[in-house]
Amino acid sequence: MENREIFSTITALPPVFLRLDERAFHHLSDVLGLERPFDDFFHKAMVTACTALVADSGLNPDLAYTFSDEISLYFTKLPFSGRVEKLDSVAASYAASSFTLALGSTTLVAFDARVIPATPEYAKEYLVNRQAEAWRNHINAYCQQALIEEGLDPRKAQEQLTGLPAKALHEMMHERGFNLATTPAWQRRGTLVYKKLTEKEGFNPITRETVITERSTVVAESDLPLFSSPEGQAFLAAIVK
């Protein structure tokens, strides 16, 4: 029987990204009655799922970056000998389970998954690109919601926005008295969950001396710099190896 499992031996070599996207996000949003264009509770549930993936899943990714209904996991070491089917299926199912628990919901949730080969340098470029997509998603979401509140149905609102450059969308909201740059940072730039070494003071009972030890903790940063800026590049260089 195993020789019929034709994709089970396909493997990936680290480093890689594993990107997870929630399936039927708009349906879930309607069922749960989420606030539009962004819902703080939904975002916190996504961050909780990311934290569980990094800290508790056993997959051991270096970091997780999330915005909207998307999660990107970065691996410099791969479980399951890098077997792609195993990586995709376990990460997607674990994300769906932890996200559902975080929501406290009985609504069924599913994620799809794909593996993206990377290098340390490309990893930084990838995160810059995903953060840029977070910004585009952010301005489009606010503009679409503004048009809906003015009477357009969602499909026509999206049609009206399709093809407009970011500057035009930003100006559209400015004309309505709303500055998109004042929205919460997590809406504009996403959230990064990663492992951080921290120093902790302890006491050695044998030598009776105070000692400093390093411990790895998982932190969620929702006030991120712009990854494409010098500050953002320095931030990523300290995390992405």
C-alpha atoms as a PDB file:
ATOM      1  CA  MET A   1       0.000   0.000   0.000  1.00  0.00           C
ATOM      2  CA  GLU A   2       2.805   2.447   0.877  1.00  0.00           C
ATOM      3  CA  ASN A   3       4.187   2.342  -2.673  1.00  0.00           C
ATOM      4  CA  ARG A   4       0.955   4.019  -3.826  1.00  0.00           C
ATOM      5  CA  GLU A   5       1.583   7.037  -1.599  1.00  0.00           C
ATOM      6  CA  ILE A   6       3.217   8.820  -4.514  1.00  0.00           C
ATOM      7  CA  PHE A   7       3.764  12.217  -2.841  1.00  0.00           C
ATOM      8  CA  SER A   8       4.704  11.041   0.653  1.00  0.00           C
ATOM      9  CA  THR A   9       8.460  11.046  -0.008  1.00  0.00           C
ATOM     10  CA  ILE A  10       8.692  14.568  -1.460  1.00  0.00           C
ATOM     11  CA  THR A  11      10.966  16.510   0.882  1.00  0.00           C
ATOM     12  CA  ALA A  12      12.128  20.077   1.376  1.00  0.00           C
ATOM     13  CA  LEU A  13      15.465  21.347   2.636  1.00  0.00           C
ATOM     14  CA  PRO A  14      15.647  24.190   5.146  1.00  0.00           C
ATOM     15  CA  PRO A  15      15.356  27.086   5.345  1.00  0.00           C
ATOM     16  CA  VAL A  16      11.749  27.288   4.171  1.00  0.00           C
ATOM     17  CA  PHE A  17       8.587  29.218   4.814  1.00  0.00           C
ATOM     18  CA  LEU A  18       5.337  27.395   5.346  1.00  0.00           C
ATOM     19  CA  ARG A  19       2.421  29.707   4.559  1.00  0.00           C
ATOM     20  CA  LEU A  20      -1.016  29.009   5.991  1.00  0.00           C
ATOM     21  CA  ASP A  21      -4.195  30.685   4.759  1.00  0.00           C
ATOM     22  CA  GLU A  22      -7.588  30.349   6.334  1.00  0.00           C
ATOM     23  CA  ARG A  23     -10.177  28.809   4.017  1.00  0.00           C
ATOM     24  CA  ALA A  24     -13.497  30.665   3.478  1.00  0.00           C
ATOM     25  CA  PHE A  25     -12.471  33.615   5.654  1.00  0.00           C
ATOM     26  CA  HIS A  26     -15.375  35.824   4.564  1.00  0.00           C
ATOM     27  CA  HIS A  27     -17.898  33.106   5.443  1.00  0.00           C
ATOM     28  CA  LEU A  28     -16.344  32.715   8.893  1.00  0.00           C
ATOM     29  CA  SER A  29     -16.423  36.483   9.354  1.00  0.00           C
ATOM     30  CA  ASP A  30     -20.141  36.537   8.593  1.00  0.00           C
ATOM     31  CA  VAL A  31     -20.910  33.572  10.857  1.00  0.00           C
ATOM     32  CA  LEU A  32     -19.017  35.045  13.806  1.00  0.00           C
ATOM     33  CA  GLY A  33     -20.254  38.584  13.203  1.00  0.00           C
ATOM     34  CA  LEU A  34     -16.719  39.995  13.189  1.00  0.00           C
ATOM     35  CA  GLU A  35     -16.196  43.740  13.252  1.00  0.00           C
ATOM     36  CA  ARG A  36     -15.169  45.182   9.882  1.00  0.00           C
ATOM     37  CA  PRO A  37     -12.754  46.001   8.454  1.00  0.00           C
ATOM     38  CA  PHE A  38     -10.642  44.551  11.307  1.00  0.00           C
ATOM     39  CA  ASP A  39     -11.634  42.669  14.418  1.00  0.00           C
ATOM     40  CA  ASP A  40      -9.332  42.830  17.449  1.00  0.00           C
ATOM     41  CA  PHE A  41     -10.589  39.556  18.941  1.00  0.00           C
ATOM     42  CA  PHE A  42     -10.001  37.719  15.664  1.00  0.00           C
ATOM     43  CA  HIS A  43      -6.468  39.123  15.470  1.00  0.00           C
ATOM     44  CA  LYS A  44      -5.703  38.065  19.037  1.00  0.00           C
ATOM     45  CA  ALA A  45      -6.905  34.540  18.205  1.00  0.00           C
ATOM     46  CA  MET A  46      -4.541  34.472  15.206  1.00  0.00           C
ATOM     47  CA  VAL A  47      -1.645  35.598  17.420  1.00  0.00           C
ATOM     48  CA  THR A  48      -2.557  32.931  19.972  1.00  0.00           C
ATOM     49  CA  ALA A  49      -2.481  30.306  17.206  1.00  0.00           C
ATOM     50  CA  CYS A  50       0.921  31.612  16.045  1.00  0.00           C
ATOM     51  CA  THR A  51       2.279  31.450  19.585  1.00  0.00           C
ATOM     52  CA  ALA A  52       1.059  27.872  19.932  1.00  0.00           C
ATOM     53  CA  LEU A  53       2.664  26.925  16.602  1.00  0.00           C
ATOM     54  CA  VAL A  54       6.016  28.393  17.680  1.00  0.00           C
ATOM     55  CA  ALA A  55       6.003  27.291  21.329  1.00  0.00           C
ATOM     56  CA  ASP A  56       3.888  24.159  21.674  1.00  0.00           C
ATOM     57  CA  SER A  57       3.250  22.399  18.365  1.00  0.00           C
ATOM     58  CA  GLY A  58       6.487  20.428  18.230  1.00  0.00           C
ATOM     59  CA  LEU A  59       7.100  21.796  14.725  1.00  0.00           C
ATOM     60  CA  ASN A  60       9.630  24.263  16.199  1.00  0.00           C
ATOM     61  CA  PRO A  61       9.553  27.083  13.626  1.00  0.00           C
ATOM     62  CA  ASP A  62      11.875  30.020  14.261  1.00  0.00           C
ATOM     63  CA  LEU A  63       9.074  32.554  13.882  1.00  0.00           C
ATOM     64  CA  ALA A  64       5.533  33.190  12.714  1.00  0.00           C
ATOM     65  CA  TYR A  65       4.358  36.317  10.906  1.00  0.00           C
ATOM     66  CA  THR A  66       0.641  36.983  10.650  1.00  0.00           C
ATOM     67  CA  PHE A  67      -1.759  39.502   9.180  1.00  0.00           C
ATOM     68  CA  SER A  68      -5.429  39.142   8.266  1.00  0.00           C
ATOM     69  CA  ASP A  69      -6.087  35.375   7.963  1.00  0.00           C
ATOM     70  CA  GLU A  70      -2.537  34.444   6.912  1.00  0.00           C
ATOM     71  CA  ILE A  71       0.341  32.883   8.872  1.00  0.00           C
ATOM     72  CA  SER A  72       3.896  32.441   7.597  1.00  0.00           C
ATOM     73  CA  LEU A  73       6.148  30.065   9.542  1.00  0.00           C
ATOM     74  CA  TYR A  74       9.933  30.204   9.022  1.00  0.00           C
ATOM     75  CA  PHE A  75      12.032  27.093   9.590  1.00  0.00           C
ATOM     76  CA  THR A  76      15.815  26.715   9.708  1.00  0.00           C
ATOM     77  CA  LYS A  77      15.357  23.126  10.887  1.00  0.00           C
ATOM     78  CA  LEU A  78      12.572  20.879   9.655  1.00  0.00           C
ATOM     79  CA  PRO A  79      10.677  18.113  11.480  1.00  0.00           C
ATOM     80  CA  PHE A  80       9.535  14.928   9.725  1.00  0.00           C
ATOM     81  CA  SER A  81      12.793  14.860   7.714  1.00  0.00           C
ATOM     82  CA  GLY A  82      11.348  17.702   5.670  1.00  0.00           C
ATOM     83  CA  ARG A  83       8.461  15.647   4.247  1.00  0.00           C
ATOM     84  CA  VAL A  84       6.247  18.225   2.549  1.00  0.00           C
ATOM     85  CA  GLU A  85       2.935  16.369   2.950  1.00  0.00           C
ATOM     86  CA  LYS A  86       3.588  15.943   6.668  1.00  0.00           C
ATOM     87  CA  LEU A  87       4.615  19.559   7.174  1.00  0.00           C
ATOM     88  CA  ASP A  88       1.563  20.889   5.354  1.00  0.00           C
ATOM     89  CA  SER A  89      -0.973  18.615   6.980  1.00  0.00           C
ATOM     90  CA  VAL A  90       0.277  18.887  10.574  1.00  0.00           C
ATOM     91  CA  ALA A  91       0.812  22.670  10.489  1.00  0.00           C
ATOM     92  CA  ALA A  92      -2.582  23.337   8.879  1.00  0.00           C
ATOM     93  CA  SER A  93      -4.470  21.074  11.259  1.00  0.00           C
ATOM     94  CA  TYR A  94      -2.661  22.403  14.343  1.00  0.00           C
ATOM     95  CA  ALA A  95      -3.307  25.996  13.277  1.00  0.00           C
ATOM     96  CA  ALA A  96      -7.010  25.276  12.745  1.00  0.00           C
ATOM     97  CA  SER A  97      -7.332  23.583  16.135  1.00  0.00           C
ATOM     98  CA  SER A  98      -5.457  26.218  18.144  1.00  0.00           C
ATOM     99  CA  PHE A  99      -7.229  29.074  16.337  1.00  0.00           C
ATOM    100  CA  THR A 100     -10.663  27.537  16.981  1.00  0.00           C
ATOM    101  CA  LEU A 101      -9.847  27.099  20.678  1.00  0.00           C
ATOM    102  CA  ALA A 102      -8.623  30.686  20.882  1.00  0.00           C
ATOM    103  CA  LEU A 103     -11.882  31.903  19.336  1.00  0.00           C
ATOM    104  CA  GLY A 104     -13.934  29.765  21.708  1.00  0.00           C
ATOM    105  CA  SER A 105     -15.939  28.853  18.645  1.00  0.00           C
ATOM    106  CA  THR A 106     -17.876  25.791  17.533  1.00  0.00           C
ATOM    107  CA  THR A 107     -17.621  26.893  13.899  1.00  0.00           C
ATOM    108  CA  LEU A 108     -15.380  24.610  11.846  1.00  0.00           C
ATOM    109  CA  VAL A 109     -12.192  26.288  10.584  1.00  0.00           C
ATOM    110  CA  ALA A 110      -9.705  25.066   7.980  1.00  0.00           C
ATOM    111  CA  PHE A 111      -6.317  26.291   6.775  1.00  0.00           C
ATOM    112  CA  ASP A 112      -4.469  25.354   3.614  1.00  0.00           C
ATOM    113  CA  ALA A 113      -0.668  25.228   3.506  1.00  0.00           C
ATOM    114  CA  ARG A 114       2.224  25.458   1.070  1.00  0.00           C
ATOM    115  CA  VAL A 115       6.002  25.183   1.427  1.00  0.00           C
ATOM    116  CA  ILE A 116       8.194  27.971   0.012  1.00  0.00           C
ATOM    117  CA  PRO A 117      11.969  27.339  -0.319  1.00  0.00           C
ATOM    118  CA  ALA A 118      14.083  30.157   1.104  1.00  0.00           C
ATOM    119  CA  THR A 119      17.561  31.348   2.036  1.00  0.00           C
ATOM    120  CA  PRO A 120      18.351  33.640   4.988  1.00  0.00           C
ATOM    121  CA  GLU A 121      18.553  36.610   2.625  1.00  0.00           C
ATOM    122  CA  TYR A 122      15.374  35.672   0.771  1.00  0.00           C
ATOM    123  CA  ALA A 123      13.658  35.185   4.138  1.00  0.00           C
ATOM    124  CA  LYS A 124      14.130  38.883   4.877  1.00  0.00           C
ATOM    125  CA  GLU A 125      12.860  39.774   1.395  1.00  0.00           C
ATOM    126  CA  TYR A 126       9.865  37.488   1.884  1.00  0.00           C
ATOM    127  CA  LEU A 127       8.925  39.189   5.156  1.00  0.00           C
ATOM    128  CA  VAL A 128       9.305  42.624   3.551  1.00  0.00           C
ATOM    129  CA  ASN A 129       6.947  41.510   0.783  1.00  0.00           C
ATOM    130  CA  ARG A 130       4.368  39.999   3.148  1.00  0.00           C
ATOM    131  CA  GLN A 131       4.389  43.144   5.263  1.00  0.00           C
ATOM    132  CA  ALA A 132       3.836  45.205   2.101  1.00  0.00           C
ATOM    133  CA  GLU A 133       0.882  42.926   1.340  1.00  0.00           C
ATOM    134  CA  ALA A 134      -0.400  43.537   4.886  1.00  0.00           C
ATOM    135  CA  TRP A 135      -0.415  47.287   4.143  1.00  0.00           C
ATOM    136  CA  ARG A 136      -2.213  46.790   0.810  1.00  0.00           C
ATOM    137  CA  ASN A 137      -4.759  44.535   2.518  1.00  0.00           C
ATOM    138  CA  HIS A 138      -5.207  47.168   5.233  1.00  0.00           C
ATOM    139  CA  ILE A 139      -5.947  50.109   2.938  1.00  0.00           C
ATOM    140  CA  ASN A 140      -8.164  48.041   0.645  1.00  0.00           C
ATOM    141  CA  ALA A 141     -10.183  46.750   3.621  1.00  0.00           C
ATOM    142  CA  TYR A 142     -10.843  50.252   4.950  1.00  0.00           C
ATOM    143  CA  CYS A 143     -11.736  51.615   1.516  1.00  0.00           C
ATOM    144  CA  GLN A 144     -14.076  48.736   0.761  1.00  0.00           C
ATOM    145  CA  GLN A 145     -15.819  49.113   4.108  1.00  0.00           C
ATOM    146  CA  ALA A 146     -16.217  52.853   3.534  1.00  0.00           C
ATOM    147  CA  LEU A 147     -17.915  52.228   0.184  1.00  0.00           C
ATOM    148  CA  ILE A 148     -20.179  49.557   1.688  1.00  0.00           C
ATOM    149  CA  GLU A 149     -21.234  51.967   4.436  1.00  0.00           C
ATOM    150  CA  GLU A 150     -22.072  54.462   1.680  1.00  0.00           C
ATOM    151  CA  GLY A 151     -24.464  51.987   0.086  1.00  0.00           C
ATOM    152  CA  LEU A 152     -22.475  49.820  -2.342  1.00  0.00           C
ATOM    153  CA  ASP A 153     -22.678  46.048  -2.072  1.00  0.00           C
ATOM    154  CA  PRO A 154     -19.347  44.283  -1.377  1.00  0.00           C
ATOM    155  CA  ARG A 155     -18.868  43.057  -4.953  1.00  0.00           C
ATOM    156  CA  LYS A 156     -19.397  46.485  -6.526  1.00  0.00           C
ATOM    157  CA  ALA A 157     -17.240  48.118  -3.862  1.00  0.00           C
ATOM    158  CA  GLN A 158     -14.363  45.791  -4.688  1.00  0.00           C
ATOM    159  CA  GLU A 159     -14.840  46.360  -8.419  1.00  0.00           C
ATOM    160  CA  GLN A 160     -14.558  50.105  -7.860  1.00  0.00           C
ATOM    161  CA  LEU A 161     -11.282  49.658  -5.963  1.00  0.00           C
ATOM    162  CA  THR A 162      -9.662  47.120  -8.309  1.00  0.00           C
ATOM    163  CA  GLY A 163      -6.608  48.520 -10.062  1.00  0.00           C
ATOM    164  CA  LEU A 164      -6.365  51.707  -8.001  1.00  0.00           C
ATOM    165  CA  PRO A 165      -2.849  52.451  -6.692  1.00  0.00           C
ATOM    166  CA  ALA A 166      -2.230  52.646  -2.957  1.00  0.00           C
ATOM    167  CA  LYS A 167      -1.847  56.445  -3.139  1.00  0.00           C
ATOM    168  CA  ALA A 168      -5.341  56.805  -4.615  1.00  0.00           C
ATOM    169  CA  LEU A 169      -6.842  54.556  -1.942  1.00  0.00           C
ATOM    170  CA  HIS A 170      -5.081  56.507   0.796  1.00  0.00           C
ATOM    171  CA  GLU A 171      -6.388  59.762  -0.682  1.00  0.00           C
ATOM    172  CA  MET A 172      -9.896  58.312  -0.870  1.00  0.00           C
ATOM    173  CA  MET A 173      -9.920  57.782   2.887  1.00  0.00           C
ATOM    174  CA  HIS A 174      -8.275  61.152   3.518  1.00  0.00           C
ATOM    175  CA  GLU A 175     -11.146  62.815   1.642  1.00  0.00           C
ATOM    176  CA  ARG A 176     -13.491  61.102   4.088  1.00  0.00           C
ATOM    177  CA  GLY A 177     -11.577  62.538   7.036  1.00  0.00           C
ATOM    178  CA  PHE A 178      -9.767  59.327   7.942  1.00  0.00           C
ATOM    179  CA  ASN A 179      -5.981  58.985   8.190  1.00  0.00           C
ATOM    180  CA  LEU A 180      -4.962  55.359   7.592  1.00  0.00           C
ATOM    181  CA  ALA A 181      -1.573  55.986   9.212  1.00  0.00           C
ATOM    182  CA  THR A 182      -3.286  56.371  12.600  1.00  0.00           C
ATOM    183  CA  THR A 183      -4.760  52.850  12.656  1.00  0.00           C
ATOM    184  CA  PRO A 184      -3.276  50.244  15.042  1.00  0.00           C
ATOM    185  CA  ALA A 185       0.184  49.067  13.959  1.00  0.00           C
ATOM    186  CA  TRP A 186      -0.890  45.406  13.785  1.00  0.00           C
ATOM    187  CA  GLN A 187      -3.457  46.278  11.129  1.00  0.00           C
ATOM    188  CA  ARG A 188      -0.858  48.064   9.005  1.00  0.00           C
ATOM    189  CA  ARG A 189       2.261  45.956   9.589  1.00  0.00           C
ATOM    190  CA  GLY A 190       1.160  42.614  11.000  1.00  0.00           C
ATOM    191  CA  THR A 191       2.460  40.767  14.063  1.00  0.00           C
ATOM    192  CA  LEU A 192       5.664  38.754  14.468  1.00  0.00           C
ATOM    193  CA  VAL A 193       5.890  35.898  16.965  1.00  0.00           C
ATOM    194  CA  TYR A 194       9.459  34.746  17.553  1.00  0.00           C
ATOM    195  CA  LYS A 195      11.925  33.247  19.994  1.00  0.00           C
ATOM    196  CA  LYS A 196      13.950  35.745  21.975  1.00  0.00           C
ATOM    197  CA  LEU A 197      16.877  35.131  24.300  1.00  0.00           C
ATOM    198  CA  THR A 198      16.441  36.888  27.622  1.00  0.00           C
ATOM    199  CA  GLU A 199      18.801  37.122  30.590  1.00  0.00           C
ATOM    200  CA  LYS A 200      17.602  36.072  34.013  1.00  0.00           C
ATOM    201  CA  GLU A 201      19.381  36.510  37.314  1.00  0.00           C
ATOM    202  CA  GLY A 202      19.665  33.392  39.450  1.00  0.00           C
ATOM    203  CA  PHE A 203      21.526  32.013  42.456  1.00  0.00           C
ATOM    204  CA  ASN A 204      23.999  29.121  42.408  1.00  0.00           C
ATOM    205  CA  PRO A 205      23.584  27.333  45.781  1.00  0.00           C
ATOM    206  CA  ILE A 206      26.906  25.501  45.379  1.00  0.00           C
ATOM    207  CA  THR A 207      29.122  28.515  44.705  1.00  0.00           C
ATOM    208  CA  ARG A 208      26.723  30.818  46.530  1.00  0.00           C
ATOM    209  CA  GLU A 209      27.084  33.316  43.709  1.00  0.00           C
ATOM    210  CA  THR A 210      24.626  35.275  41.655  1.00  0.00           C
ATOM    211  CA  VAL A 211      24.641  34.013  38.065  1.00  0.00           C
ATOM    212  CA  ILE A 212      23.112  35.246  34.840  1.00  0.00           C
ATOM    213  CA  THR A 213      21.504  32.659  32.573  1.00  0.00           C
ATOM    214  CA  GLU A 214      19.994  32.946  29.118  1.00  0.00           C
ATOM    215  CA  ARG A 215      16.529  31.604  28.430  1.00  0.00           C
ATOM    216  CA  SER A 216      14.533  31.426  25.240  1.00  0.00           C
ATOM    217  CA  THR A 217      11.065  32.922  25.439  1.00  0.00           C
ATOM    218  CA  VAL A 218       8.393  33.359  22.786  1.00  0.00           C
ATOM    219  CA  VAL A 219       7.282  36.953  22.270  1.00  0.00           C
ATOM    220  CA  ALA A 220       4.574  38.496  20.092  1.00  0.00           C
ATOM    221  CA  GLU A 221       5.508  41.895  18.650  1.00  0.00           C
ATOM    222  CA  SER A 222       2.611  43.917  17.252  1.00  0.00           C
ATOM    223  CA  ASP A 223       4.394  47.270  17.042  1.00  0.00           C
ATOM    224  CA  LEU A 224       6.742  46.367  14.218  1.00  0.00           C
ATOM    225  CA  PRO A 225       9.061  48.648  12.282  1.00  0.00           C
ATOM    226  CA  LEU A 226       8.667  48.898   8.532  1.00  0.00           C
ATOM    227  CA  PHE A 227      10.724  45.919   7.409  1.00  0.00           C
ATOM    228  CA  SER A 228      11.963  47.724   4.288  1.00  0.00           C
ATOM    229  CA  SER A 229      13.435  50.578   6.377  1.00  0.00           C
ATOM    230  CA  PRO A 230      16.982  50.533   7.840  1.00  0.00           C
ATOM    231  CA  GLU A 231      15.455  50.013  11.296  1.00  0.00           C
ATOM    232  CA  GLY A 232      13.354  47.143   9.994  1.00  0.00           C
ATOM    233  CA  GLN A 233      16.294  45.521   8.230  1.00  0.00           C
ATOM    234  CA  ALA A 234      18.335  45.646  11.442  1.00  0.00           C
ATOM    235  CA  PHE A 235      15.377  44.178  13.351  1.00  0.00           C
ATOM    236  CA  LEU A 236      15.058  41.273  10.882  1.00  0.00           C
ATOM    237  CA  ALA A 237      18.825  40.679  10.794  1.00  0.00           C
ATOM    238  CA  ALA A 238      18.774  40.030  14.545  1.00  0.00           C
ATOM    239  CA  ILE A 239      15.986  37.460  14.236  1.00  0.00           C
ATOM    240  CA  VAL A 240      16.269  35.758  10.837  1.00  0.00           C
ATOM    241  CA  LYS A 241      19.310  33.509  10.625  1.00  0.00           C
END
